[in-house]
């Protein structure tokens, strides 16, 4: 049986006829599932030796220039947006400047 074939349903269990129908219905309860959001200002690779030799006050150079947008990830894997760092009541925040096309579909 393929996903496009009609499947008999019971009153308790509605059946989605095709994968496309399932995504168009987008159950609202999925909107309440928590995601971990991470704002990444940059990254670098260091040998273990350099990590073990880290000291207070040391500067680690990242792969981003000052003023470049930072990346915003969902669950540490999916790039969903880019933004800029802002200060809000003595805490850091991120102002969204771009939503990655297709990331939230």
Protein backbone atom coordinates (compact mmCIF):
# COMPACT_ATOMS: atom_id res chain seq x y z
CA UNK A 1 0.00 0.00 0.00
CA UNK A 2 1.36 3.45 -0.87
CA UNK A 3 0.81 6.65 1.11
CA UNK A 4 -1.58 7.94 -1.55
CA UNK A 5 -3.99 5.01 -1.34
CA UNK A 6 -7.18 5.43 0.60
CA UNK A 7 -7.20 3.57 3.89
CA UNK A 8 -10.38 2.70 5.77
CA UNK A 9 -10.75 4.68 8.99
CA UNK A 10 -12.67 4.28 12.18
CA UNK A 11 -14.40 7.09 14.02
CA UNK A 12 -11.68 7.02 16.69
CA UNK A 13 -8.76 7.09 14.27
CA UNK A 14 -8.92 9.53 11.36
CA UNK A 15 -6.63 8.58 8.50
CA UNK A 16 -4.61 10.98 6.38
CA UNK A 17 -4.81 9.97 2.75
CA UNK A 18 -1.51 11.46 1.58
CA UNK A 19 1.63 12.88 3.10
CA UNK A 20 0.78 16.29 1.63
CA UNK A 21 -2.58 16.30 3.47
CA UNK A 22 -0.82 15.58 6.74
CA UNK A 23 1.45 18.63 6.44
CA UNK A 24 -1.42 20.90 5.41
CA UNK A 25 -3.36 19.92 8.54
CA UNK A 26 -0.41 20.75 10.89
CA UNK A 27 -1.83 19.70 14.24
CA UNK A 28 -1.91 22.66 16.59
CA UNK A 29 -0.57 20.62 19.51
CA UNK A 30 2.79 20.44 17.70
CA UNK A 31 3.05 24.20 18.09
CA UNK A 32 3.44 23.70 21.86
CA UNK A 33 6.40 21.29 21.62
CA UNK A 34 9.42 23.03 23.18
CA UNK A 35 12.53 23.55 21.08
CA UNK A 36 15.97 24.54 22.28
CA UNK A 37 17.03 27.76 20.55
CA UNK A 38 20.74 28.52 20.30
CA UNK A 39 22.35 31.75 19.12
CA UNK A 40 25.84 31.12 17.74
CA UNK A 41 28.17 34.07 17.32
CA UNK A 42 30.80 31.97 15.58
CA UNK A 43 33.00 28.94 15.94
CA UNK A 44 36.56 27.73 15.60
CA UNK A 45 38.54 24.50 15.81
CA UNK A 46 41.27 24.08 18.40
CA UNK A 47 43.52 21.16 19.20
CA UNK A 48 42.92 19.51 22.57
CA UNK A 49 46.26 20.92 23.75
CA UNK A 50 45.00 24.49 23.27
CA UNK A 51 41.77 23.75 25.15
CA UNK A 52 43.69 22.23 28.07
CA UNK A 53 45.94 25.31 28.19
CA UNK A 54 43.07 27.85 28.33
CA UNK A 55 43.39 30.51 31.01
CA UNK A 56 41.20 33.33 32.33
CA UNK A 57 41.46 36.38 30.08
CA UNK A 58 42.53 34.42 27.00
CA UNK A 59 40.86 35.42 23.73
CA UNK A 60 39.58 32.80 21.30
CA UNK A 61 39.25 34.02 17.73
CA UNK A 62 36.05 33.04 15.92
CA UNK A 63 35.21 32.82 12.23
CA UNK A 64 32.97 35.93 12.23
CA UNK A 65 33.67 39.61 11.79
CA UNK A 66 32.33 42.20 14.23
CA UNK A 67 28.87 43.29 13.06
CA UNK A 68 28.11 40.14 11.07
CA UNK A 69 24.78 38.48 11.82
CA UNK A 70 24.75 35.57 14.25
CA UNK A 71 23.10 32.22 13.47
CA UNK A 72 20.02 31.00 15.33
CA UNK A 73 19.51 27.24 15.50
CA UNK A 74 16.57 25.08 16.63
CA UNK A 75 17.65 22.01 18.60
CA UNK A 76 21.28 22.78 17.79
CA UNK A 77 20.96 21.50 14.23
CA UNK A 78 18.50 23.43 12.09
CA UNK A 79 19.46 26.97 11.05
CA UNK A 80 16.19 28.90 11.29
CA UNK A 81 17.22 32.56 11.35
CA UNK A 82 19.97 35.15 11.62
CA UNK A 83 20.07 38.16 13.86
CA UNK A 84 22.04 40.72 15.82
CA UNK A 85 22.95 40.82 19.49
CA UNK A 86 21.07 43.40 21.56
CA UNK A 87 20.96 44.31 25.24
CA UNK A 88 17.62 44.07 27.03
CA UNK A 89 17.46 45.02 30.74
CA UNK A 90 21.13 44.10 31.40
CA UNK A 91 20.76 40.77 29.54
CA UNK A 92 21.66 39.74 26.03
CA UNK A 93 19.02 39.12 23.42
CA UNK A 94 18.86 38.55 19.68
CA UNK A 95 16.92 40.70 17.23
CA UNK A 96 15.86 38.58 14.26
CA UNK A 97 16.99 40.20 11.02
CA UNK A 98 16.36 37.29 8.63
CA UNK A 99 14.34 34.09 8.68
CA UNK A 100 16.00 31.37 6.62
CA UNK A 101 13.71 30.57 3.66
CA UNK A 102 11.96 27.23 4.14
CA UNK A 103 13.22 26.72 7.69
CA UNK A 104 9.83 27.23 9.33
CA UNK A 105 7.67 25.52 6.70
